[in-house]
Amino acid sequence: QQQEALSAQLQVVYEHRSRLERSLQKE
């Protein structure tokens, strides 16, 4: 469960990072 939670959090972090990178590229 912790791994799944961490995996989900990691997924969120990756998506957030991806959005931030796109936003940074745009900026």
mmCIF file of all heavy atoms, coordinates in Angstrom:
data_MODEL
# 
_entry.id   MODEL 
# 
loop_
_atom_site.group_PDB 
_atom_site.id 
_atom_site.type_symbol 
_atom_site.label_atom_id 
_atom_site.label_alt_id 
_atom_site.label_comp_id 
_atom_site.label_asym_id 
_atom_site.label_entity_id 
_atom_site.label_seq_id 
_atom_site.pdbx_PDB_ins_code 
_atom_site.Cartn_x 
_atom_site.Cartn_y 
_atom_site.Cartn_z 
_atom_site.occupancy 
_atom_site.B_iso_or_equiv 
_atom_site.pdbx_formal_charge 
_atom_site.auth_seq_id 
_atom_site.auth_comp_id 
_atom_site.auth_asym_id 
_atom_site.auth_atom_id 
_atom_site.pdbx_PDB_model_num 
ATOM 1   N N   . GLN A 1 1  ? 0.839  -1.205 0.000   1.00 0.00 ? 1  GLN A N   1 
ATOM 2   C CA  . GLN A 1 1  ? 0.000  0.000  0.000   1.00 0.00 ? 1  GLN A CA  1 
ATOM 3   C C   . GLN A 1 1  ? 0.876  1.259  0.000   1.00 0.00 ? 1  GLN A C   1 
ATOM 4   O O   . GLN A 1 1  ? 0.593  2.235  -0.714  1.00 0.00 ? 1  GLN A O   1 
ATOM 5   C CB  . GLN A 1 1  ? -0.915 0.001  1.228   1.00 0.00 ? 1  GLN A CB  1 
ATOM 6   C CG  . GLN A 1 1  ? -2.054 -0.973 1.128   1.00 0.00 ? 1  GLN A CG  1 
ATOM 7   C CD  . GLN A 1 1  ? -2.859 -1.033 2.451   1.00 0.00 ? 1  GLN A CD  1 
ATOM 8   O OE1 . GLN A 1 1  ? -2.461 -0.463 3.463   1.00 0.00 ? 1  GLN A OE1 1 
ATOM 9   N NE2 . GLN A 1 1  ? -3.972 -1.743 2.414   1.00 0.00 ? 1  GLN A NE2 1 
ATOM 10  N N   . GLN A 1 2  ? 1.936  1.212  0.809   1.00 0.00 ? 2  GLN A N   1 
ATOM 11  C CA  . GLN A 1 2  ? 2.852  2.348  0.845   1.00 0.00 ? 2  GLN A CA  1 
ATOM 12  C C   . GLN A 1 2  ? 3.494  2.538  -0.520  1.00 0.00 ? 2  GLN A C   1 
ATOM 13  O O   . GLN A 1 2  ? 3.643  3.667  -0.995  1.00 0.00 ? 2  GLN A O   1 
ATOM 14  C CB  . GLN A 1 2  ? 3.934  2.128  1.908   1.00 0.00 ? 2  GLN A CB  1 
ATOM 15  C CG  . GLN A 1 2  ? 3.454  2.366  3.326   1.00 0.00 ? 2  GLN A CG  1 
ATOM 16  C CD  . GLN A 1 2  ? 4.582  2.157  4.362   1.00 0.00 ? 2  GLN A CD  1 
ATOM 17  O OE1 . GLN A 1 2  ? 5.666  1.662  4.028   1.00 0.00 ? 2  GLN A OE1 1 
ATOM 18  N NE2 . GLN A 1 2  ? 4.287  2.515  5.607   1.00 0.00 ? 2  GLN A NE2 1 
ATOM 19  N N   . GLN A 1 3  ? 3.847  1.384  -1.165  1.00 0.00 ? 3  GLN A N   1 
ATOM 20  C CA  . GLN A 1 3  ? 4.473  1.467  -2.498  1.00 0.00 ? 3  GLN A CA  1 
ATOM 21  C C   . GLN A 1 3  ? 3.492  2.054  -3.495  1.00 0.00 ? 3  GLN A C   1 
ATOM 22  O O   . GLN A 1 3  ? 3.857  2.892  -4.307  1.00 0.00 ? 3  GLN A O   1 
ATOM 23  C CB  . GLN A 1 3  ? 4.943  0.079  -2.946  1.00 0.00 ? 3  GLN A CB  1 
ATOM 24  C CG  . GLN A 1 3  ? 5.672  0.151  -4.276  1.00 0.00 ? 3  GLN A CG  1 
ATOM 25  C CD  . GLN A 1 3  ? 5.983  -1.246 -4.857  1.00 0.00 ? 3  GLN A CD  1 
ATOM 26  O OE1 . GLN A 1 3  ? 5.599  -2.284 -4.291  1.00 0.00 ? 3  GLN A OE1 1 
ATOM 27  N NE2 . GLN A 1 3  ? 6.664  -1.249 -5.955  1.00 0.00 ? 3  GLN A NE2 1 
ATOM 28  N N   . GLU A 1 4  ? 2.215  1.584  -3.416  1.00 0.00 ? 4  GLU A N   1 
ATOM 29  C CA  . GLU A 1 4  ? 1.194  2.110  -4.331  1.00 0.00 ? 4  GLU A CA  1 
ATOM 30  C C   . GLU A 1 4  ? 0.979  3.595  -4.070  1.00 0.00 ? 4  GLU A C   1 
ATOM 31  O O   . GLU A 1 4  ? 0.864  4.395  -5.005  1.00 0.00 ? 4  GLU A O   1 
ATOM 32  C CB  . GLU A 1 4  ? -0.111 1.334  -4.149  1.00 0.00 ? 4  GLU A CB  1 
ATOM 33  C CG  . GLU A 1 4  ? -0.074 -0.068 -4.733  1.00 0.00 ? 4  GLU A CG  1 
ATOM 34  C CD  . GLU A 1 4  ? -1.337 -0.881 -4.431  1.00 0.00 ? 4  GLU A CD  1 
ATOM 35  O OE1 . GLU A 1 4  ? -2.231 -0.344 -3.722  1.00 0.00 ? 4  GLU A OE1 1 
ATOM 36  O OE2 . GLU A 1 4  ? -1.405 -2.004 -4.903  1.00 0.00 ? 4  GLU A OE2 1 
ATOM 37  N N   . ALA A 1 5  ? 0.920  3.952  -2.761  1.00 0.00 ? 5  ALA A N   1 
ATOM 38  C CA  . ALA A 1 5  ? 0.746  5.356  -2.405  1.00 0.00 ? 5  ALA A CA  1 
ATOM 39  C C   . ALA A 1 5  ? 1.934  6.168  -2.925  1.00 0.00 ? 5  ALA A C   1 
ATOM 40  O O   . ALA A 1 5  ? 1.774  7.243  -3.524  1.00 0.00 ? 5  ALA A O   1 
ATOM 41  C CB  . ALA A 1 5  ? 0.600  5.526  -0.910  1.00 0.00 ? 5  ALA A CB  1 
ATOM 42  N N   . LEU A 1 6  ? 3.149  5.624  -2.696  1.00 0.00 ? 6  LEU A N   1 
ATOM 43  C CA  . LEU A 1 6  ? 4.345  6.311  -3.176  1.00 0.00 ? 6  LEU A CA  1 
ATOM 44  C C   . LEU A 1 6  ? 4.370  6.374  -4.698  1.00 0.00 ? 6  LEU A C   1 
ATOM 45  O O   . LEU A 1 6  ? 4.780  7.386  -5.287  1.00 0.00 ? 6  LEU A O   1 
ATOM 46  C CB  . LEU A 1 6  ? 5.607  5.632  -2.651  1.00 0.00 ? 6  LEU A CB  1 
ATOM 47  C CG  . LEU A 1 6  ? 5.916  5.867  -1.164  1.00 0.00 ? 6  LEU A CG  1 
ATOM 48  C CD1 . LEU A 1 6  ? 7.114  4.997  -0.750  1.00 0.00 ? 6  LEU A CD1 1 
ATOM 49  C CD2 . LEU A 1 6  ? 6.227  7.329  -0.895  1.00 0.00 ? 6  LEU A CD2 1 
ATOM 50  N N   . SER A 1 7  ? 3.930  5.254  -5.319  1.00 0.00 ? 7  SER A N   1 
ATOM 51  C CA  . SER A 1 7  ? 3.882  5.210  -6.777  1.00 0.00 ? 7  SER A CA  1 
ATOM 52  C C   . SER A 1 7  ? 2.905  6.268  -7.295  1.00 0.00 ? 7  SER A C   1 
ATOM 53  O O   . SER A 1 7  ? 3.198  6.983  -8.255  1.00 0.00 ? 7  SER A O   1 
ATOM 54  C CB  . SER A 1 7  ? 3.465  3.810  -7.231  1.00 0.00 ? 7  SER A CB  1 
ATOM 55  O OG  . SER A 1 7  ? 3.451  3.755  -8.630  1.00 0.00 ? 7  SER A OG  1 
ATOM 56  N N   . ALA A 1 8  ? 1.730  6.374  -6.626  1.00 0.00 ? 8  ALA A N   1 
ATOM 57  C CA  . ALA A 1 8  ? 0.740  7.369  -7.028  1.00 0.00 ? 8  ALA A CA  1 
ATOM 58  C C   . ALA A 1 8  ? 1.310  8.776  -6.820  1.00 0.00 ? 8  ALA A C   1 
ATOM 59  O O   . ALA A 1 8  ? 1.175  9.658  -7.669  1.00 0.00 ? 8  ALA A O   1 
ATOM 60  C CB  . ALA A 1 8  ? -0.546 7.189  -6.222  1.00 0.00 ? 8  ALA A CB  1 
ATOM 61  N N   . GLN A 1 9  ? 1.963  8.970  -5.646  1.00 0.00 ? 9  GLN A N   1 
ATOM 62  C CA  . GLN A 1 9  ? 2.569  10.272 -5.365  1.00 0.00 ? 9  GLN A CA  1 
ATOM 63  C C   . GLN A 1 9  ? 3.660  10.584 -6.391  1.00 0.00 ? 9  GLN A C   1 
ATOM 64  O O   . GLN A 1 9  ? 3.774  11.713 -6.860  1.00 0.00 ? 9  GLN A O   1 
ATOM 65  C CB  . GLN A 1 9  ? 3.169  10.288 -3.953  1.00 0.00 ? 9  GLN A CB  1 
ATOM 66  C CG  . GLN A 1 9  ? 2.141  10.395 -2.856  1.00 0.00 ? 9  GLN A CG  1 
ATOM 67  C CD  . GLN A 1 9  ? 2.797  10.361 -1.472  1.00 0.00 ? 9  GLN A CD  1 
ATOM 68  O OE1 . GLN A 1 9  ? 4.011  10.135 -1.340  1.00 0.00 ? 9  GLN A OE1 1 
ATOM 69  N NE2 . GLN A 1 9  ? 1.979  10.559 -0.434  1.00 0.00 ? 9  GLN A NE2 1 
ATOM 70  N N   . LEU A 1 10 ? 4.428  9.535  -6.735  1.00 0.00 ? 10 LEU A N   1 
ATOM 71  C CA  . LEU A 1 10 ? 5.487  9.712  -7.725  1.00 0.00 ? 10 LEU A CA  1 
ATOM 72  C C   . LEU A 1 10 ? 4.886  10.067 -9.073  1.00 0.00 ? 10 LEU A C   1 
ATOM 73  O O   . LEU A 1 10 ? 5.411  10.939 -9.775  1.00 0.00 ? 10 LEU A O   1 
ATOM 74  C CB  . LEU A 1 10 ? 6.334  8.433  -7.807  1.00 0.00 ? 10 LEU A CB  1 
ATOM 75  C CG  . LEU A 1 10 ? 7.619  8.531  -8.626  1.00 0.00 ? 10 LEU A CG  1 
ATOM 76  C CD1 . LEU A 1 10 ? 8.558  9.595  -8.058  1.00 0.00 ? 10 LEU A CD1 1 
ATOM 77  C CD2 . LEU A 1 10 ? 8.332  7.186  -8.667  1.00 0.00 ? 10 LEU A CD2 1 
ATOM 78  N N   . GLN A 1 11 ? 3.796  9.421  -9.402  1.00 0.00 ? 11 GLN A N   1 
ATOM 79  C CA  . GLN A 1 11 ? 3.094  9.702  -10.656 1.00 0.00 ? 11 GLN A CA  1 
ATOM 80  C C   . GLN A 1 11 ? 2.637  11.165 -10.661 1.00 0.00 ? 11 GLN A C   1 
ATOM 81  O O   . GLN A 1 11 ? 2.816  11.881 -11.640 1.00 0.00 ? 11 GLN A O   1 
ATOM 82  C CB  . GLN A 1 11 ? 1.894  8.756  -10.824 1.00 0.00 ? 11 GLN A CB  1 
ATOM 83  C CG  . GLN A 1 11 ? 1.173  8.898  -12.149 1.00 0.00 ? 11 GLN A CG  1 
ATOM 84  C CD  . GLN A 1 11 ? 2.037  8.482  -13.329 1.00 0.00 ? 11 GLN A CD  1 
ATOM 85  O OE1 . GLN A 1 11 ? 2.876  7.581  -13.251 1.00 0.00 ? 11 GLN A OE1 1 
ATOM 86  N NE2 . GLN A 1 11 ? 1.860  9.147  -14.449 1.00 0.00 ? 11 GLN A NE2 1 
ATOM 87  N N   . VAL A 1 12 ? 2.054  11.589 -9.523  1.00 0.00 ? 12 VAL A N   1 
ATOM 88  C CA  . VAL A 1 12 ? 1.603  12.990 -9.398  1.00 0.00 ? 12 VAL A CA  1 
ATOM 89  C C   . VAL A 1 12 ? 2.783  13.929 -9.525  1.00 0.00 ? 12 VAL A C   1 
ATOM 90  O O   . VAL A 1 12 ? 2.733  14.946 -10.227 1.00 0.00 ? 12 VAL A O   1 
ATOM 91  C CB  . VAL A 1 12 ? 0.866  13.195 -8.054  1.00 0.00 ? 12 VAL A CB  1 
ATOM 92  C CG1 . VAL A 1 12 ? 0.623  14.675 -7.771  1.00 0.00 ? 12 VAL A CG1 1 
ATOM 93  C CG2 . VAL A 1 12 ? -0.451 12.449 -8.035  1.00 0.00 ? 12 VAL A CG2 1 
ATOM 94  N N   . VAL A 1 13 ? 3.896  13.558 -8.841  1.00 0.00 ? 13 VAL A N   1 
ATOM 95  C CA  . VAL A 1 13 ? 5.095  14.390 -8.913  1.00 0.00 ? 13 VAL A CA  1 
ATOM 96  C C   . VAL A 1 13 ? 5.611  14.453 -10.347 1.00 0.00 ? 13 VAL A C   1 
ATOM 97  O O   . VAL A 1 13 ? 5.983  15.522 -10.829 1.00 0.00 ? 13 VAL A O   1 
ATOM 98  C CB  . VAL A 1 13 ? 6.179  13.871 -7.950  1.00 0.00 ? 13 VAL A CB  1 
ATOM 99  C CG1 . VAL A 1 13 ? 7.537  14.519 -8.218  1.00 0.00 ? 13 VAL A CG1 1 
ATOM 100 C CG2 . VAL A 1 13 ? 5.762  14.104 -6.505  1.00 0.00 ? 13 VAL A CG2 1 
ATOM 101 N N   . TYR A 1 14 ? 5.638  13.307 -11.058 1.00 0.00 ? 14 TYR A N   1 
ATOM 102 C CA  . TYR A 1 14 ? 6.093  13.284 -12.453 1.00 0.00 ? 14 TYR A CA  1 
ATOM 103 C C   . TYR A 1 14 ? 5.200  14.165 -13.329 1.00 0.00 ? 14 TYR A C   1 
ATOM 104 O O   . TYR A 1 14 ? 5.690  14.928 -14.160 1.00 0.00 ? 14 TYR A O   1 
ATOM 105 C CB  . TYR A 1 14 ? 6.132  11.845 -12.992 1.00 0.00 ? 14 TYR A CB  1 
ATOM 106 C CG  . TYR A 1 14 ? 7.373  11.059 -12.590 1.00 0.00 ? 14 TYR A CG  1 
ATOM 107 C CD1 . TYR A 1 14 ? 7.304  9.712  -12.261 1.00 0.00 ? 14 TYR A CD1 1 
ATOM 108 C CD2 . TYR A 1 14 ? 8.633  11.672 -12.584 1.00 0.00 ? 14 TYR A CD2 1 
ATOM 109 C CE1 . TYR A 1 14 ? 8.436  8.988  -11.900 1.00 0.00 ? 14 TYR A CE1 1 
ATOM 110 C CE2 . TYR A 1 14 ? 9.757  10.946 -12.228 1.00 0.00 ? 14 TYR A CE2 1 
ATOM 111 C CZ  . TYR A 1 14 ? 9.661  9.621  -11.883 1.00 0.00 ? 14 TYR A CZ  1 
ATOM 112 O OH  . TYR A 1 14 ? 10.775 8.922  -11.524 1.00 0.00 ? 14 TYR A OH  1 
ATOM 113 N N   . GLU A 1 15 ? 3.885  14.008 -13.131 1.00 0.00 ? 15 GLU A N   1 
ATOM 114 C CA  . GLU A 1 15 ? 2.956  14.828 -13.927 1.00 0.00 ? 15 GLU A CA  1 
ATOM 115 C C   . GLU A 1 15 ? 3.168  16.311 -13.609 1.00 0.00 ? 15 GLU A C   1 
ATOM 116 O O   . GLU A 1 15 ? 3.200  17.151 -14.510 1.00 0.00 ? 15 GLU A O   1 
ATOM 117 C CB  . GLU A 1 15 ? 1.513  14.405 -13.629 1.00 0.00 ? 15 GLU A CB  1 
ATOM 118 C CG  . GLU A 1 15 ? 1.134  13.076 -14.245 1.00 0.00 ? 15 GLU A CG  1 
ATOM 119 C CD  . GLU A 1 15 ? -0.278 12.620 -13.830 1.00 0.00 ? 15 GLU A CD  1 
ATOM 120 O OE1 . GLU A 1 15 ? -1.007 13.428 -13.211 1.00 0.00 ? 15 GLU A OE1 1 
ATOM 121 O OE2 . GLU A 1 15 ? -0.623 11.482 -14.137 1.00 0.00 ? 15 GLU A OE2 1 
ATOM 122 N N   . HIS A 1 16 ? 3.309  16.587 -12.313 1.00 0.00 ? 16 HIS A N   1 
ATOM 123 C CA  . HIS A 1 16 ? 3.529  17.977 -11.904 1.00 0.00 ? 16 HIS A CA  1 
ATOM 124 C C   . HIS A 1 16 ? 4.835  18.498 -12.507 1.00 0.00 ? 16 HIS A C   1 
ATOM 125 O O   . HIS A 1 16 ? 4.889  19.623 -13.015 1.00 0.00 ? 16 HIS A O   1 
ATOM 126 C CB  . HIS A 1 16 ? 3.566  18.064 -10.373 1.00 0.00 ? 16 HIS A CB  1 
ATOM 127 C CG  . HIS A 1 16 ? 3.653  19.470 -9.852  1.00 0.00 ? 16 HIS A CG  1 
ATOM 128 N ND1 . HIS A 1 16 ? 2.658  20.400 -10.062 1.00 0.00 ? 16 HIS A ND1 1 
ATOM 129 C CD2 . HIS A 1 16 ? 4.637  20.109 -9.138  1.00 0.00 ? 16 HIS A CD2 1 
ATOM 130 C CE1 . HIS A 1 16 ? 3.009  21.546 -9.513  1.00 0.00 ? 16 HIS A CE1 1 
ATOM 131 N NE2 . HIS A 1 16 ? 4.224  21.391 -8.925  1.00 0.00 ? 16 HIS A NE2 1 
ATOM 132 N N   . ARG A 1 17 ? 5.878  17.649 -12.448 1.00 0.00 ? 17 ARG A N   1 
ATOM 133 C CA  . ARG A 1 17 ? 7.170  18.018 -13.019 1.00 0.00 ? 17 ARG A CA  1 
ATOM 134 C C   . ARG A 1 17 ? 7.043  18.254 -14.521 1.00 0.00 ? 17 ARG A C   1 
ATOM 135 O O   . ARG A 1 17 ? 7.611  19.209 -15.065 1.00 0.00 ? 17 ARG A O   1 
ATOM 136 C CB  . ARG A 1 17 ? 8.190  16.916 -12.735 1.00 0.00 ? 17 ARG A CB  1 
ATOM 137 C CG  . ARG A 1 17 ? 9.560  17.257 -13.264 1.00 0.00 ? 17 ARG A CG  1 
ATOM 138 C CD  . ARG A 1 17 ? 10.572 16.199 -12.878 1.00 0.00 ? 17 ARG A CD  1 
ATOM 139 N NE  . ARG A 1 17 ? 11.826 16.520 -13.508 1.00 0.00 ? 17 ARG A NE  1 
ATOM 140 C CZ  . ARG A 1 17 ? 12.528 15.669 -14.232 1.00 0.00 ? 17 ARG A CZ  1 
ATOM 141 N NH1 . ARG A 1 17 ? 12.124 14.437 -14.388 1.00 0.00 ? 17 ARG A NH1 1 
ATOM 142 N NH2 . ARG A 1 17 ? 13.667 16.041 -14.780 1.00 0.00 ? 17 ARG A NH2 1 
ATOM 143 N N   . SER A 1 18 ? 6.284  17.368 -15.166 1.00 0.00 ? 18 SER A N   1 
ATOM 144 C CA  . SER A 1 18 ? 6.081  17.484 -16.605 1.00 0.00 ? 18 SER A CA  1 
ATOM 145 C C   . SER A 1 18 ? 5.370  18.806 -16.925 1.00 0.00 ? 18 SER A C   1 
ATOM 146 O O   . SER A 1 18 ? 5.757  19.529 -17.844 1.00 0.00 ? 18 SER A O   1 
ATOM 147 C CB  . SER A 1 18 ? 5.268  16.287 -17.104 1.00 0.00 ? 18 SER A CB  1 
ATOM 148 O OG  . SER A 1 18 ? 4.958  16.445 -18.452 1.00 0.00 ? 18 SER A OG  1 
ATOM 149 N N   . ARG A 1 19 ? 4.323  19.121 -16.117 1.00 0.00 ? 19 ARG A N   1 
ATOM 150 C CA  . ARG A 1 19 ? 3.604  20.395 -16.329 1.00 0.00 ? 19 ARG A CA  1 
ATOM 151 C C   . ARG A 1 19 ? 4.549  21.583 -16.090 1.00 0.00 ? 19 ARG A C   1 
ATOM 152 O O   . ARG A 1 19 ? 4.550  22.566 -16.826 1.00 0.00 ? 19 ARG A O   1 
ATOM 153 C CB  . ARG A 1 19 ? 2.404  20.477 -15.384 1.00 0.00 ? 19 ARG A CB  1 
ATOM 154 C CG  . ARG A 1 19 ? 1.187  19.734 -15.909 1.00 0.00 ? 19 ARG A CG  1 
ATOM 155 C CD  . ARG A 1 19 ? -0.078 20.141 -15.161 1.00 0.00 ? 19 ARG A CD  1 
ATOM 156 N NE  . ARG A 1 19 ? 0.005  19.976 -13.706 1.00 0.00 ? 19 ARG A NE  1 
ATOM 157 C CZ  . ARG A 1 19 ? -0.354 18.883 -13.058 1.00 0.00 ? 19 ARG A CZ  1 
ATOM 158 N NH1 . ARG A 1 19 ? -0.847 17.859 -13.723 1.00 0.00 ? 19 ARG A NH1 1 
ATOM 159 N NH2 . ARG A 1 19 ? -0.239 18.814 -11.740 1.00 0.00 ? 19 ARG A NH2 1 
ATOM 160 N N   . LEU A 1 20 ? 5.340  21.446 -15.001 1.00 0.00 ? 20 LEU A N   1 
ATOM 161 C CA  . LEU A 1 20 ? 6.279  22.533 -14.696 1.00 0.00 ? 20 LEU A CA  1 
ATOM 162 C C   . LEU A 1 20 ? 7.296  22.722 -15.813 1.00 0.00 ? 20 LEU A C   1 
ATOM 163 O O   . LEU A 1 20 ? 7.640  23.851 -16.176 1.00 0.00 ? 20 LEU A O   1 
ATOM 164 C CB  . LEU A 1 20 ? 7.000  22.273 -13.368 1.00 0.00 ? 20 LEU A CB  1 
ATOM 165 C CG  . LEU A 1 20 ? 6.183  22.510 -12.099 1.00 0.00 ? 20 LEU A CG  1 
ATOM 166 C CD1 . LEU A 1 20 ? 6.994  22.110 -10.865 1.00 0.00 ? 20 LEU A CD1 1 
ATOM 167 C CD2 . LEU A 1 20 ? 5.771  23.965 -11.976 1.00 0.00 ? 20 LEU A CD2 1 
ATOM 168 N N   . GLU A 1 21 ? 7.798  21.591 -16.377 1.00 0.00 ? 21 GLU A N   1 
ATOM 169 C CA  . GLU A 1 21 ? 8.768  21.680 -17.478 1.00 0.00 ? 21 GLU A CA  1 
ATOM 170 C C   . GLU A 1 21 ? 8.134  22.326 -18.698 1.00 0.00 ? 21 GLU A C   1 
ATOM 171 O O   . GLU A 1 21 ? 8.765  23.155 -19.352 1.00 0.00 ? 21 GLU A O   1 
ATOM 172 C CB  . GLU A 1 21 ? 9.323  20.288 -17.810 1.00 0.00 ? 21 GLU A CB  1 
ATOM 173 C CG  . GLU A 1 21 ? 10.364 19.817 -16.818 1.00 0.00 ? 21 GLU A CG  1 
ATOM 174 C CD  . GLU A 1 21 ? 10.923 18.434 -17.163 1.00 0.00 ? 21 GLU A CD  1 
ATOM 175 O OE1 . GLU A 1 21 ? 10.406 17.791 -18.097 1.00 0.00 ? 21 GLU A OE1 1 
ATOM 176 O OE2 . GLU A 1 21 ? 11.882 18.017 -16.494 1.00 0.00 ? 21 GLU A OE2 1 
ATOM 177 N N   . ARG A 1 22 ? 6.873  21.924 -19.000 1.00 0.00 ? 22 ARG A N   1 
ATOM 178 C CA  . ARG A 1 22 ? 6.180  22.541 -20.135 1.00 0.00 ? 22 ARG A CA  1 
ATOM 179 C C   . ARG A 1 22 ? 5.985  24.046 -19.873 1.00 0.00 ? 22 ARG A C   1 
ATOM 180 O O   . ARG A 1 22 ? 6.212  24.891 -20.752 1.00 0.00 ? 22 ARG A O   1 
ATOM 181 C CB  . ARG A 1 22 ? 4.833  21.852 -20.377 1.00 0.00 ? 22 ARG A CB  1 
ATOM 182 C CG  . ARG A 1 22 ? 4.945  20.522 -21.106 1.00 0.00 ? 22 ARG A CG  1 
ATOM 183 C CD  . ARG A 1 22 ? 3.602  20.044 -21.637 1.00 0.00 ? 22 ARG A CD  1 
ATOM 184 N NE  . ARG A 1 22 ? 2.554  19.908 -20.611 1.00 0.00 ? 22 ARG A NE  1 
ATOM 185 C CZ  . ARG A 1 22 ? 2.338  18.818 -19.893 1.00 0.00 ? 22 ARG A CZ  1 
ATOM 186 N NH1 . ARG A 1 22 ? 3.093  17.744 -20.079 1.00 0.00 ? 22 ARG A NH1 1 
ATOM 187 N NH2 . ARG A 1 22 ? 1.374  18.783 -18.992 1.00 0.00 ? 22 ARG A NH2 1 
ATOM 188 N N   . SER A 1 23 ? 5.559  24.337 -18.630 1.00 0.00 ? 23 SER A N   1 
ATOM 189 C CA  . SER A 1 23 ? 5.350  25.739 -18.256 1.00 0.00 ? 23 SER A CA  1 
ATOM 190 C C   . SER A 1 23 ? 6.666  26.513 -18.335 1.00 0.00 ? 23 SER A C   1 
ATOM 191 O O   . SER A 1 23 ? 6.715  27.644 -18.832 1.00 0.00 ? 23 SER A O   1 
ATOM 192 C CB  . SER A 1 23 ? 4.782  25.803 -16.836 1.00 0.00 ? 23 SER A CB  1 
ATOM 193 O OG  . SER A 1 23 ? 4.609  27.129 -16.435 1.00 0.00 ? 23 SER A OG  1 
ATOM 194 N N   . LEU A 1 24 ? 7.759  25.877 -17.850 1.00 0.00 ? 24 LEU A N   1 
ATOM 195 C CA  . LEU A 1 24 ? 9.075  26.503 -17.916 1.00 0.00 ? 24 LEU A CA  1 
ATOM 196 C C   . LEU A 1 24 ? 9.484  26.726 -19.361 1.00 0.00 ? 24 LEU A C   1 
ATOM 197 O O   . LEU A 1 24 ? 10.008 27.803 -19.701 1.00 0.00 ? 24 LEU A O   1 
ATOM 198 C CB  . LEU A 1 24 ? 10.106 25.630 -17.184 1.00 0.00 ? 24 LEU A CB  1 
ATOM 199 C CG  . LEU A 1 24 ? 11.538 26.170 -17.146 1.00 0.00 ? 24 LEU A CG  1 
ATOM 200 C CD1 . LEU A 1 24 ? 11.591 27.485 -16.370 1.00 0.00 ? 24 LEU A CD1 1 
ATOM 201 C CD2 . LEU A 1 24 ? 12.475 25.152 -16.523 1.00 0.00 ? 24 LEU A CD2 1 
ATOM 202 N N   . GLN A 1 25 ? 9.246  25.724 -20.236 1.00 0.00 ? 25 GLN A N   1 
ATOM 203 C CA  . GLN A 1 25 ? 9.561  25.856 -21.662 1.00 0.00 ? 25 GLN A CA  1 
ATOM 204 C C   . GLN A 1 25 ? 8.789  27.036 -22.244 1.00 0.00 ? 25 GLN A C   1 
ATOM 205 O O   . GLN A 1 25 ? 9.348  27.847 -22.982 1.00 0.00 ? 25 GLN A O   1 
ATOM 206 C CB  . GLN A 1 25 ? 9.150  24.589 -22.413 1.00 0.00 ? 25 GLN A CB  1 
ATOM 207 C CG  . GLN A 1 25 ? 10.174 23.549 -22.831 1.00 0.00 ? 25 GLN A CG  1 
ATOM 208 C CD  . GLN A 1 25 ? 11.596 23.985 -22.938 1.00 0.00 ? 25 GLN A CD  1 
ATOM 209 O OE1 . GLN A 1 25 ? 12.329 24.047 -21.972 1.00 0.00 ? 25 GLN A OE1 1 
ATOM 210 N NE2 . GLN A 1 25 ? 12.027 24.276 -24.152 1.00 0.00 ? 25 GLN A NE2 1 
ATOM 211 N N   . LYS A 1 26 ? 7.489  27.068 -21.903 1.00 0.00 ? 26 LYS A N   1 
ATOM 212 C CA  . LYS A 1 26 ? 6.629  28.153 -22.405 1.00 0.00 ? 26 LYS A CA  1 
ATOM 213 C C   . LYS A 1 26 ? 7.146  29.505 -21.905 1.00 0.00 ? 26 LYS A C   1 
ATOM 214 O O   . LYS A 1 26 ? 7.255  30.465 -22.682 1.00 0.00 ? 26 LYS A O   1 
ATOM 215 C CB  . LYS A 1 26 ? 5.194  27.912 -21.919 1.00 0.00 ? 26 LYS A CB  1 
ATOM 216 C CG  . LYS A 1 26 ? 4.186  28.871 -22.492 1.00 0.00 ? 26 LYS A CG  1 
ATOM 217 C CD  . LYS A 1 26 ? 2.795  28.521 -21.986 1.00 0.00 ? 26 LYS A CD  1 
ATOM 218 C CE  . LYS A 1 26 ? 1.799  29.584 -22.390 1.00 0.00 ? 26 LYS A CE  1 
ATOM 219 N NZ  . LYS A 1 26 ? 0.506  29.386 -21.765 1.00 0.00 ? 26 LYS A NZ  1 
ATOM 220 N N   . GLU A 1 27 ? 7.482  29.570 -20.602 1.00 0.00 ? 27 GLU A N   1 
ATOM 221 C CA  . GLU A 1 27 ? 8.002  30.819 -20.019 1.00 0.00 ? 27 GLU A CA  1 
ATOM 222 C C   . GLU A 1 27 ? 9.322  31.216 -20.684 1.00 0.00 ? 27 GLU A C   1 
ATOM 223 O O   . GLU A 1 27 ? 9.548  32.378 -20.977 1.00 0.00 ? 27 GLU A O   1 
ATOM 224 C CB  . GLU A 1 27 ? 8.233  30.656 -18.507 1.00 0.00 ? 27 GLU A CB  1 
ATOM 225 C CG  . GLU A 1 27 ? 6.968  30.678 -17.675 1.00 0.00 ? 27 GLU A CG  1 
ATOM 226 C CD  . GLU A 1 27 ? 6.271  32.027 -17.697 1.00 0.00 ? 27 GLU A CD  1 
ATOM 227 O OE1 . GLU A 1 27 ? 6.959  33.060 -17.691 1.00 0.00 ? 27 GLU A OE1 1 
ATOM 228 O OE2 . GLU A 1 27 ? 5.030  32.039 -17.745 1.00 0.00 ? 27 GLU A OE2 1 
# 
